[in-house]
Amino acid sequence: FIHVEKINPFISRKEEYLLFKKVLKEKILPSKEMEGISERSLLKAREESIILLKENTKKQKLNKGNTET
């Protein structure tokens, strides 16, 4: 794990985003592995991964509905 913190399970999207940015700035970006990678590119990758996850979840729900007849 990169970061562990006890939080309210009903955290808002904004609060989650701000927490992610904080961890990104304090722990991820300063690491040697992230040298030369911008904060903006990582935030864009996060956004794209969330979109992909939502699309895949919808597909799974549709496929599950089609197999139950």
Protein backbone atom coordinates (compact mmCIF):
# COMPACT_ATOMS: atom_id res chain seq x y z
CA PHE A 1 0.00 0.00 0.00
CA ILE A 2 1.14 3.52 -0.70
CA HIS A 3 -1.21 5.17 1.79
CA VAL A 4 -3.58 3.91 4.45
CA GLU A 5 -6.00 6.21 6.21
CA LYS A 6 -9.25 5.64 8.06
CA ILE A 7 -12.01 7.66 6.38
CA ASN A 8 -15.78 7.87 6.27
CA PRO A 9 -17.03 5.29 3.72
CA PHE A 10 -19.45 7.91 2.38
CA ILE A 11 -16.72 10.38 1.42
CA SER A 12 -17.76 12.79 -1.32
CA ARG A 13 -16.18 12.70 -4.78
CA LYS A 14 -14.55 16.04 -4.07
CA GLU A 15 -13.11 14.84 -0.75
CA GLU A 16 -11.81 11.66 -2.39
CA TYR A 17 -10.22 13.66 -5.20
CA LEU A 18 -8.55 16.06 -2.75
CA LEU A 19 -7.23 13.14 -0.69
CA PHE A 20 -5.89 11.51 -3.86
CA LYS A 21 -4.15 14.77 -4.88
CA LYS A 22 -2.62 15.10 -1.41
CA VAL A 23 -1.20 11.57 -1.49
CA LEU A 24 -0.08 12.10 -5.07
CA LYS A 25 1.88 15.23 -4.13
CA GLU A 26 3.25 13.97 -0.82
CA LYS A 27 4.04 10.32 -1.53
CA ILE A 28 3.76 9.33 -5.18
CA LEU A 29 5.32 12.16 -7.19
CA PRO A 30 8.42 12.50 -4.95
CA SER A 31 9.29 8.82 -5.47
CA LYS A 32 12.17 7.88 -7.75
CA GLU A 33 9.84 5.77 -9.95
CA MET A 34 7.71 8.81 -10.80
CA GLU A 35 10.61 11.03 -11.79
CA GLY A 36 9.71 12.95 -14.94
CA ILE A 37 5.97 12.17 -14.73
CA SER A 38 3.71 15.17 -14.23
CA GLU A 39 0.86 15.46 -11.74
CA ARG A 40 -1.44 16.40 -14.61
CA SER A 41 -0.71 13.19 -16.55
CA LEU A 42 -1.40 11.06 -13.47
CA LEU A 43 -4.66 12.90 -12.77
CA LYS A 44 -5.70 12.37 -16.41
CA ALA A 45 -4.85 8.66 -16.14
CA ARG A 46 -6.97 8.46 -12.97
CA GLU A 47 -9.90 10.09 -14.76
CA GLU A 48 -9.60 7.70 -17.72
CA SER A 49 -9.39 4.66 -15.44
CA ILE A 50 -12.58 5.69 -13.62
CA ILE A 51 -14.41 6.05 -16.95
CA LEU A 52 -13.15 2.64 -18.09
CA LEU A 53 -14.18 1.04 -14.79
CA LYS A 54 -17.72 2.48 -15.10
CA GLU A 55 -18.02 1.23 -18.70
CA ASN A 56 -16.86 -2.27 -17.77
CA THR A 57 -19.23 -2.39 -14.81
CA LYS A 58 -22.16 -1.47 -17.08
CA LYS A 59 -21.14 -4.17 -19.59
CA GLN A 60 -20.98 -6.79 -16.84
CA LYS A 61 -24.44 -5.83 -15.61
CA LEU A 62 -25.83 -6.06 -19.15
CA ASN A 63 -24.18 -9.43 -19.75
CA LYS A 64 -25.47 -10.75 -16.44
CA GLY A 65 -28.99 -9.62 -17.37
CA ASN A 66 -28.77 -11.34 -20.78
CA THR A 67 -27.76 -14.70 -19.29
CA GLU A 68 -30.66 -14.74 -16.84
CA THR A 69 -33.71 -15.70 -18.89
